């Protein structure tokens, strides 16, 4: 079902808000355990928004998920290499 123009604009704005907010403040939110439940919920919302049938919204979300996964991969790679013993 296609949403109306106002609904699409709202979802587009919401996707921009979440992706910008996470891009700027994710590392700060991850530091504090009390924010993890809210952060998980907000990420779930962004996953749901990513499924909306709109190319612009998908591109906005895809750009964030690309940055997020790259950051996660680099973090895990660094933590993995720090835990290994040099030979």
PDB file of N, CA and C in Angstrom:
ATOM      1  N   UNK A   1       0.854  -1.184   0.000  1.00  0.00           N
ATOM      2  CA  UNK A   1       0.000   0.000   0.000  1.00  0.00           C
ATOM      3  C   UNK A   1       0.896   1.242   0.000  1.00  0.00           C
ATOM      4  N   UNK A   2       0.624   2.154  -0.891  1.00  0.00           N
ATOM      5  CA  UNK A   2       1.401   3.387  -0.995  1.00  0.00           C
ATOM      6  C   UNK A   2       0.871   4.416  -0.008  1.00  0.00           C
ATOM      7  N   UNK A   3       1.766   5.058   0.659  1.00  0.00           N
ATOM      8  CA  UNK A   3       1.386   6.104   1.602  1.00  0.00           C
ATOM      9  C   UNK A   3       1.167   7.409   0.841  1.00  0.00           C
ATOM     10  N   UNK A   4       0.436   8.306   1.457  1.00  0.00           N
ATOM     11  CA  UNK A   4       0.221   9.609   0.863  1.00  0.00           C
ATOM     12  C   UNK A   4       1.488  10.439   0.886  1.00  0.00           C
ATOM     13  N   UNK A   5       1.451  11.559   0.192  1.00  0.00           N
ATOM     14  CA  UNK A   5       2.619  12.445   0.129  1.00  0.00           C
ATOM     15  C   UNK A   5       3.058  12.924   1.503  1.00  0.00           C
ATOM     16  N   UNK A   6       2.108  13.284   2.345  1.00  0.00           N
ATOM     17  CA  UNK A   6       2.445  13.752   3.692  1.00  0.00           C
ATOM     18  C   UNK A   6       3.089  12.647   4.522  1.00  0.00           C
ATOM     19  N   UNK A   7       2.567  11.434   4.372  1.00  0.00           N
ATOM     20  CA  UNK A   7       3.142  10.306   5.103  1.00  0.00           C
ATOM     21  C   UNK A   7       4.565  10.030   4.633  1.00  0.00           C
ATOM     22  N   UNK A   8       4.774  10.065   3.321  1.00  0.00           N
ATOM     23  CA  UNK A   8       6.114   9.832   2.774  1.00  0.00           C
ATOM     24  C   UNK A   8       7.089  10.906   3.252  1.00  0.00           C
ATOM     25  N   UNK A   9       6.637  12.143   3.290  1.00  0.00           N
ATOM     26  CA  UNK A   9       7.498  13.241   3.749  1.00  0.00           C
ATOM     27  C   UNK A   9       7.841  13.059   5.226  1.00  0.00           C
ATOM     28  N   UNK A  10       6.859  12.619   6.007  1.00  0.00           N
ATOM     29  CA  UNK A  10       7.101  12.390   7.437  1.00  0.00           C
ATOM     30  C   UNK A  10       8.133  11.285   7.628  1.00  0.00           C
ATOM     31  N   UNK A  11       7.966  10.173   6.929  1.00  0.00           N
ATOM     32  CA  UNK A  11       8.894   9.045   7.049  1.00  0.00           C
ATOM     33  C   UNK A  11      10.284   9.439   6.556  1.00  0.00           C
ATOM     34  N   UNK A  12      10.349  10.223   5.486  1.00  0.00           N
ATOM     35  CA  UNK A  12      11.645  10.710   4.982  1.00  0.00           C
ATOM     36  C   UNK A  12      12.330  11.578   6.035  1.00  0.00           C
ATOM     37  N   UNK A  13      11.559  12.480   6.651  1.00  0.00           N
ATOM     38  CA  UNK A  13      12.124  13.321   7.705  1.00  0.00           C
ATOM     39  C   UNK A  13      12.573  12.507   8.913  1.00  0.00           C
ATOM     40  N   UNK A  14      11.783  11.495   9.259  1.00  0.00           N
ATOM     41  CA  UNK A  14      12.139  10.623  10.376  1.00  0.00           C
ATOM     42  C   UNK A  14      13.411   9.836  10.071  1.00  0.00           C
ATOM     43  N   UNK A  15      13.538   9.375   8.845  1.00  0.00           N
ATOM     44  CA  UNK A  15      14.756   8.645   8.474  1.00  0.00           C
ATOM     45  C   UNK A  15      15.976   9.561   8.527  1.00  0.00           C
ATOM     46  N   UNK A  16      15.822  10.788   8.071  1.00  0.00           N
ATOM     47  CA  UNK A  16      16.929  11.754   8.159  1.00  0.00           C
ATOM     48  C   UNK A  16      17.284  12.061   9.602  1.00  0.00           C
ATOM     49  N   UNK A  17      16.267  12.210  10.446  1.00  0.00           N
ATOM     50  CA  UNK A  17      16.525  12.472  11.873  1.00  0.00           C
ATOM     51  C   UNK A  17      17.309  11.330  12.493  1.00  0.00           C
ATOM     52  N   UNK A  18      16.800  10.096  12.345  1.00  0.00           N
ATOM     53  CA  UNK A  18      17.470   8.954  12.969  1.00  0.00           C
ATOM     54  C   UNK A  18      18.883   8.764  12.436  1.00  0.00           C
ATOM     55  N   UNK A  19      19.066   8.825  11.127  1.00  0.00           N
ATOM     56  CA  UNK A  19      20.397   8.584  10.573  1.00  0.00           C
ATOM     57  C   UNK A  19      21.391   9.671  10.973  1.00  0.00           C
ATOM     58  N   UNK A  20      20.948  10.913  10.986  1.00  0.00           N
ATOM     59  CA  UNK A  20      21.834  12.006  11.407  1.00  0.00           C
ATOM     60  C   UNK A  20      22.151  11.907  12.891  1.00  0.00           C
ATOM     61  N   UNK A  21      21.125  11.647  13.691  1.00  0.00           N
ATOM     62  CA  UNK A  21      21.320  11.528  15.143  1.00  0.00           C
ATOM     63  C   UNK A  21      22.278  10.390  15.468  1.00  0.00           C
ATOM     64  N   UNK A  22      22.067   9.224  14.845  1.00  0.00           N
ATOM     65  CA  UNK A  22      22.958   8.094  15.096  1.00  0.00           C
ATOM     66  C   UNK A  22      24.370   8.369  14.600  1.00  0.00           C
ATOM     67  N   UNK A  23      24.495   9.011  13.452  1.00  0.00           N
ATOM     68  CA  UNK A  23      25.827   9.311  12.918  1.00  0.00           C
ATOM     69  C   UNK A  23      26.620  10.208  13.851  1.00  0.00           C
ATOM     70  N   UNK A  24      25.942  11.131  14.500  1.00  0.00           N
ATOM     71  CA  UNK A  24      26.623  12.090  15.371  1.00  0.00           C
ATOM     72  C   UNK A  24      26.762  11.620  16.820  1.00  0.00           C
ATOM     73  N   UNK A  25      25.819  10.801  17.315  1.00  0.00           N
ATOM     74  CA  UNK A  25      25.761  10.530  18.758  1.00  0.00           C
ATOM     75  C   UNK A  25      25.782   9.057  19.148  1.00  0.00           C
ATOM     76  N   UNK A  26      25.936   8.157  18.199  1.00  0.00           N
ATOM     77  CA  UNK A  26      25.861   6.735  18.504  1.00  0.00           C
ATOM     78  C   UNK A  26      26.922   6.305  19.506  1.00  0.00           C
ATOM     79  N   UNK A  27      28.134   6.745  19.322  1.00  0.00           N
ATOM     80  CA  UNK A  27      29.212   6.315  20.228  1.00  0.00           C
ATOM     81  C   UNK A  27      28.945   6.796  21.656  1.00  0.00           C
ATOM     82  N   UNK A  28      28.369   7.958  21.817  1.00  0.00           N
ATOM     83  CA  UNK A  28      28.032   8.458  23.148  1.00  0.00           C
ATOM     84  C   UNK A  28      26.925   7.623  23.778  1.00  0.00           C
ATOM     85  N   UNK A  29      25.914   7.276  22.995  1.00  0.00           N
ATOM     86  CA  UNK A  29      24.811   6.466  23.510  1.00  0.00           C
ATOM     87  C   UNK A  29      25.263   5.059  23.896  1.00  0.00           C
ATOM     88  N   UNK A  30      26.221   4.530  23.169  1.00  0.00           N
ATOM     89  CA  UNK A  30      26.714   3.185  23.459  1.00  0.00           C
ATOM     90  C   UNK A  30      27.504   3.123  24.759  1.00  0.00           C
ATOM     91  N   UNK A  31      28.035   4.236  25.198  1.00  0.00           N
ATOM     92  CA  UNK A  31      28.843   4.253  26.420  1.00  0.00           C
ATOM     93  C   UNK A  31      28.028   4.013  27.681  1.00  0.00           C
ATOM     94  N   UNK A  32      26.778   4.382  27.669  1.00  0.00           N
ATOM     95  CA  UNK A  32      25.949   4.332  28.878  1.00  0.00           C
ATOM     96  C   UNK A  32      24.922   3.208  28.774  1.00  0.00           C
ATOM     97  N   UNK A  33      25.025   2.259  29.686  1.00  0.00           N
ATOM     98  CA  UNK A  33      24.158   1.082  29.694  1.00  0.00           C
ATOM     99  C   UNK A  33      22.682   1.459  29.750  1.00  0.00           C
ATOM    100  N   UNK A  34      22.341   2.522  30.451  1.00  0.00           N
ATOM    101  CA  UNK A  34      20.931   2.894  30.607  1.00  0.00           C
ATOM    102  C   UNK A  34      20.282   3.334  29.288  1.00  0.00           C
ATOM    103  N   UNK A  35      21.082   3.622  28.273  1.00  0.00           N
ATOM    104  CA  UNK A  35      20.541   4.036  26.977  1.00  0.00           C
ATOM    105  C   UNK A  35      20.374   2.866  26.002  1.00  0.00           C
ATOM    106  N   UNK A  36      20.869   1.704  26.338  1.00  0.00           N
ATOM    107  CA  UNK A  36      20.889   0.590  25.384  1.00  0.00           C
ATOM    108  C   UNK A  36      19.495   0.149  24.944  1.00  0.00           C
ATOM    109  N   UNK A  37      18.538   0.092  25.859  1.00  0.00           N
ATOM    110  CA  UNK A  37      17.183  -0.339  25.482  1.00  0.00           C
ATOM    111  C   UNK A  37      16.559   0.661  24.510  1.00  0.00           C
ATOM    112  N   UNK A  38      16.710   1.948  24.792  1.00  0.00           N
ATOM    113  CA  UNK A  38      16.170   2.976  23.891  1.00  0.00           C
ATOM    114  C   UNK A  38      16.881   2.957  22.545  1.00  0.00           C
ATOM    115  N   UNK A  39      18.174   2.746  22.581  1.00  0.00           N
ATOM    116  CA  UNK A  39      18.964   2.688  21.354  1.00  0.00           C
ATOM    117  C   UNK A  39      18.529   1.503  20.495  1.00  0.00           C
ATOM    118  N   UNK A  40      18.304   0.364  21.125  1.00  0.00           N
ATOM    119  CA  UNK A  40      17.835  -0.814  20.399  1.00  0.00           C
ATOM    120  C   UNK A  40      16.472  -0.554  19.764  1.00  0.00           C
ATOM    121  N   UNK A  41      15.586   0.078  20.504  1.00  0.00           N
ATOM    122  CA  UNK A  41      14.262   0.406  19.972  1.00  0.00           C
ATOM    123  C   UNK A  41      14.374   1.363  18.789  1.00  0.00           C
ATOM    124  N   UNK A  42      15.207   2.384  18.919  1.00  0.00           N
ATOM    125  CA  UNK A  42      15.374   3.358  17.833  1.00  0.00           C
ATOM    126  C   UNK A  42      15.987   2.693  16.598  1.00  0.00           C
ATOM    127  N   UNK A  43      16.936   1.779  16.804  1.00  0.00           N
ATOM    128  CA  UNK A  43      17.519   1.055  15.672  1.00  0.00           C
ATOM    129  C   UNK A  43      16.460   0.173  14.996  1.00  0.00           C
ATOM    130  N   UNK A  44      15.595  -0.422  15.793  1.00  0.00           N
ATOM    131  CA  UNK A  44      14.509  -1.228  15.238  1.00  0.00           C
ATOM    132  C   UNK A  44      13.596  -0.363  14.363  1.00  0.00           C
ATOM    133  N   UNK A  45      13.298   0.857  14.837  1.00  0.00           N
ATOM    134  CA  UNK A  45      12.492   1.777  14.029  1.00  0.00           C
ATOM    135  C   UNK A  45      13.181   2.077  12.698  1.00  0.00           C
ATOM    136  N   UNK A  46      14.496   2.293  12.758  1.00  0.00           N
ATOM    137  CA  UNK A  46      15.224   2.594  11.526  1.00  0.00           C
ATOM    138  C   UNK A  46      15.235   1.387  10.579  1.00  0.00           C
ATOM    139  N   UNK A  47      15.328   0.197  11.122  1.00  0.00           N
ATOM    140  CA  UNK A  47      15.231  -1.001  10.286  1.00  0.00           C
ATOM    141  C   UNK A  47      13.869  -1.031   9.601  1.00  0.00           C
ATOM    142  N   UNK A  48      12.816  -0.745  10.353  1.00  0.00           N
ATOM    143  CA  UNK A  48      11.460  -0.732   9.785  1.00  0.00           C
ATOM    144  C   UNK A  48      11.319   0.346   8.714  1.00  0.00           C
ATOM    145  N   UNK A  49      11.899   1.513   8.974  1.00  0.00           N
ATOM    146  CA  UNK A  49      11.850   2.601   7.989  1.00  0.00           C
ATOM    147  C   UNK A  49      12.601   2.194   6.724  1.00  0.00           C
ATOM    148  N   UNK A  50      13.676   1.432   6.888  1.00  0.00           N
ATOM    149  CA  UNK A  50      14.469   0.983   5.737  1.00  0.00           C
ATOM    150  C   UNK A  50      13.650   0.127   4.778  1.00  0.00           C
ATOM    151  N   UNK A  51      12.601  -0.482   5.272  1.00  0.00           N
ATOM    152  CA  UNK A  51      11.768  -1.363   4.450  1.00  0.00           C
ATOM    153  C   UNK A  51      10.681  -0.631   3.675  1.00  0.00           C
ATOM    154  N   UNK A  52      10.545   0.684   3.907  1.00  0.00           N
ATOM    155  CA  UNK A  52       9.524   1.472   3.213  1.00  0.00           C
ATOM    156  C   UNK A  52       9.824   1.483   1.716  1.00  0.00           C
ATOM    157  N   UNK A  53       8.784   1.365   0.923  1.00  0.00           N
ATOM    158  CA  UNK A  53       8.932   1.291  -0.534  1.00  0.00           C
ATOM    159  C   UNK A  53       9.069   2.688  -1.137  1.00  0.00           C
ATOM    160  N   UNK A  54      10.230   3.288  -0.920  1.00  0.00           N
ATOM    161  CA  UNK A  54      10.533   4.618  -1.461  1.00  0.00           C
ATOM    162  C   UNK A  54      12.040   4.665  -1.685  1.00  0.00           C
ATOM    163  N   UNK A  55      12.461   4.942  -2.904  1.00  0.00           N
ATOM    164  CA  UNK A  55      13.885   4.916  -3.243  1.00  0.00           C
ATOM    165  C   UNK A  55      14.706   5.917  -2.444  1.00  0.00           C
ATOM    166  N   UNK A  56      14.183   7.131  -2.240  1.00  0.00           N
ATOM    167  CA  UNK A  56      14.932   8.150  -1.494  1.00  0.00           C
ATOM    168  C   UNK A  56      15.137   7.735  -0.045  1.00  0.00           C
ATOM    169  N   UNK A  57      14.100   7.221   0.573  1.00  0.00           N
ATOM    170  CA  UNK A  57      14.196   6.776   1.965  1.00  0.00           C
ATOM    171  C   UNK A  57      15.164   5.603   2.062  1.00  0.00           C
ATOM    172  N   UNK A  58      15.067   4.680   1.121  1.00  0.00           N
ATOM    173  CA  UNK A  58      15.981   3.537   1.112  1.00  0.00           C
ATOM    174  C   UNK A  58      17.427   3.999   0.998  1.00  0.00           C
ATOM    175  N   UNK A  59      17.712   4.955   0.127  1.00  0.00           N
ATOM    176  CA  UNK A  59      19.075   5.453  -0.050  1.00  0.00           C
ATOM    177  C   UNK A  59      19.592   6.127   1.221  1.00  0.00           C
ATOM    178  N   UNK A  60      18.738   6.881   1.889  1.00  0.00           N
ATOM    179  CA  UNK A  60      19.116   7.528   3.147  1.00  0.00           C
ATOM    180  C   UNK A  60      19.515   6.469   4.166  1.00  0.00           C
ATOM    181  N   UNK A  61      18.663   5.462   4.306  1.00  0.00           N
ATOM    182  CA  UNK A  61      18.921   4.397   5.278  1.00  0.00           C
ATOM    183  C   UNK A  61      20.132   3.553   4.871  1.00  0.00           C
ATOM    184  N   UNK A  62      20.243   3.249   3.598  1.00  0.00           N
ATOM    185  CA  UNK A  62      21.361   2.449   3.111  1.00  0.00           C
ATOM    186  C   UNK A  62      22.697   3.127   3.399  1.00  0.00           C
ATOM    187  N   UNK A  63      22.761   4.428   3.203  1.00  0.00           N
ATOM    188  CA  UNK A  63      23.984   5.175   3.491  1.00  0.00           C
ATOM    189  C   UNK A  63      24.357   5.032   4.964  1.00  0.00           C
ATOM    190  N   UNK A  64      23.379   5.162   5.855  1.00  0.00           N
ATOM    191  CA  UNK A  64      23.666   5.008   7.282  1.00  0.00           C
ATOM    192  C   UNK A  64      24.110   3.588   7.599  1.00  0.00           C
ATOM    193  N   UNK A  65      23.368   2.579   7.100  1.00  0.00           N
ATOM    194  CA  UNK A  65      23.714   1.192   7.415  1.00  0.00           C
ATOM    195  C   UNK A  65      25.101   0.839   6.877  1.00  0.00           C
ATOM    196  N   UNK A  66      25.483   1.419   5.766  1.00  0.00           N
ATOM    197  CA  UNK A  66      26.827   1.202   5.228  1.00  0.00           C
ATOM    198  C   UNK A  66      27.877   1.765   6.186  1.00  0.00           C
ATOM    199  N   UNK A  67      27.680   2.997   6.634  1.00  0.00           N
ATOM    200  CA  UNK A  67      28.612   3.609   7.587  1.00  0.00           C
ATOM    201  C   UNK A  67      28.648   2.834   8.899  1.00  0.00           C
ATOM    202  N   UNK A  68      27.472   2.442   9.372  1.00  0.00           N
ATOM    203  CA  UNK A  68      27.364   1.717  10.640  1.00  0.00           C
ATOM    204  C   UNK A  68      28.080   0.367  10.562  1.00  0.00           C
ATOM    205  N   UNK A  69      27.828  -0.379   9.509  1.00  0.00           N
ATOM    206  CA  UNK A  69      28.455  -1.700   9.382  1.00  0.00           C
ATOM    207  C   UNK A  69      29.967  -1.583   9.193  1.00  0.00           C
ATOM    208  N   UNK A  70      30.410  -0.568   8.458  1.00  0.00           N
ATOM    209  CA  UNK A  70      31.853  -0.351   8.291  1.00  0.00           C
ATOM    210  C   UNK A  70      32.503  -0.037   9.640  1.00  0.00           C
ATOM    211  N   UNK A  71      31.864   0.821  10.419  1.00  0.00           N
ATOM    212  CA  UNK A  71      32.380   1.167  11.734  1.00  0.00           C
ATOM    213  C   UNK A  71      32.406  -0.055  12.659  1.00  0.00           C
ATOM    214  N   UNK A  72      31.349  -0.832  12.629  1.00  0.00           N
ATOM    215  CA  UNK A  72      31.272  -2.039  13.445  1.00  0.00           C
ATOM    216  C   UNK A  72      32.359  -3.037  13.031  1.00  0.00           C
ATOM    217  N   UNK A  73      32.532  -3.226  11.747  1.00  0.00           N
ATOM    218  CA  UNK A  73      33.556  -4.130  11.241  1.00  0.00           C
ATOM    219  C   UNK A  73      34.947  -3.671  11.681  1.00  0.00           C
ATOM    220  N   UNK A  74      35.244  -2.377  11.514  1.00  0.00           N
ATOM    221  CA  UNK A  74      36.563  -1.860  11.901  1.00  0.00           C
ATOM    222  C   UNK A  74      36.796  -1.983  13.394  1.00  0.00           C
ATOM    223  N   UNK A  75      35.776  -1.729  14.194  1.00  0.00           N
ATOM    224  CA  UNK A  75      35.899  -1.851  15.644  1.00  0.00           C
ATOM    225  C   UNK A  75      36.189  -3.294  16.042  1.00  0.00           C
ATOM    226  N   UNK A  76      35.443  -4.222  15.465  1.00  0.00           N
ATOM    227  CA  UNK A  76      35.653  -5.640  15.782  1.00  0.00           C
ATOM    228  C   UNK A  76      37.018  -6.118  15.299  1.00  0.00           C
ATOM    229  N   UNK A  77      37.435  -5.628  14.161  1.00  0.00           N
ATOM    230  CA  UNK A  77      38.736  -6.010  13.616  1.00  0.00           C
ATOM    231  C   UNK A  77      39.862  -5.506  14.523  1.00  0.00           C
ATOM    232  N   UNK A  78      39.733  -4.254  14.983  1.00  0.00           N
ATOM    233  CA  UNK A  78      40.749  -3.693  15.869  1.00  0.00           C
ATOM    234  C   UNK A  78      40.781  -4.413  17.213  1.00  0.00           C
ATOM    235  N   UNK A  79      39.621  -4.698  17.768  1.00  0.00           N
ATOM    236  CA  UNK A  79      39.589  -5.373  19.064  1.00  0.00           C
ATOM    237  C   UNK A  79      40.090  -6.805  18.931  1.00  0.00           C
ATOM    238  N   UNK A  80      39.855  -7.423  17.777  1.00  0.00           N
ATOM    239  CA  UNK A  80      40.363  -8.773  17.538  1.00  0.00           C
ATOM    240  C   UNK A  80      41.867  -8.799  17.393  1.00  0.00           C
ATOM    241  N   UNK A  81      42.429  -7.804  16.735  1.00  0.00           N
ATOM    242  CA  UNK A  81      43.879  -7.766  16.530  1.00  0.00           C
ATOM    243  C   UNK A  81      44.614  -7.393  17.807  1.00  0.00           C
ATOM    244  N   UNK A  82      43.961  -6.662  18.704  1.00  0.00           N
ATOM    245  CA  UNK A  82      44.592  -6.293  19.963  1.00  0.00           C
ATOM    246  C   UNK A  82      44.637  -7.476  20.931  1.00  0.00           C
ATOM    247  N   UNK A  83      43.705  -8.409  20.747  1.00  0.00           N
ATOM    248  CA  UNK A  83      43.658  -9.562  21.641  1.00  0.00           C
ATOM    249  C   UNK A  83      44.566 -10.706  21.212  1.00  0.00           C
ATOM    250  N   UNK A  84      45.179 -10.614  20.039  1.00  0.00           N
ATOM    251  CA  UNK A  84      46.036 -11.682  19.543  1.00  0.00           C
ATOM    252  C   UNK A  84      47.459 -11.480  20.037  1.00  0.00           C
ATOM    253  N   UNK A  85      48.142 -12.585  20.265  1.00  0.00           N
ATOM    254  CA  UNK A  85      49.550 -12.521  20.660  1.00  0.00           C
ATOM    255  C   UNK A  85      50.413 -12.428  19.424  1.00  0.00           C
ATOM    256  N   UNK A  86      51.379 -11.504  19.412  1.00  0.00           N
ATOM    257  CA  UNK A  86      52.286 -11.409  18.260  1.00  0.00           C
ATOM    258  C   UNK A  86      53.181 -12.650  18.199  1.00  0.00           C
ATOM    259  N   UNK A  87      53.507 -13.120  17.024  1.00  0.00           N
ATOM    260  CA  UNK A  87      54.351 -14.323  16.887  1.00  0.00           C
ATOM    261  C   UNK A  87      55.717 -13.977  16.439  1.00  0.00           C
TER     262      UNK A  87
END
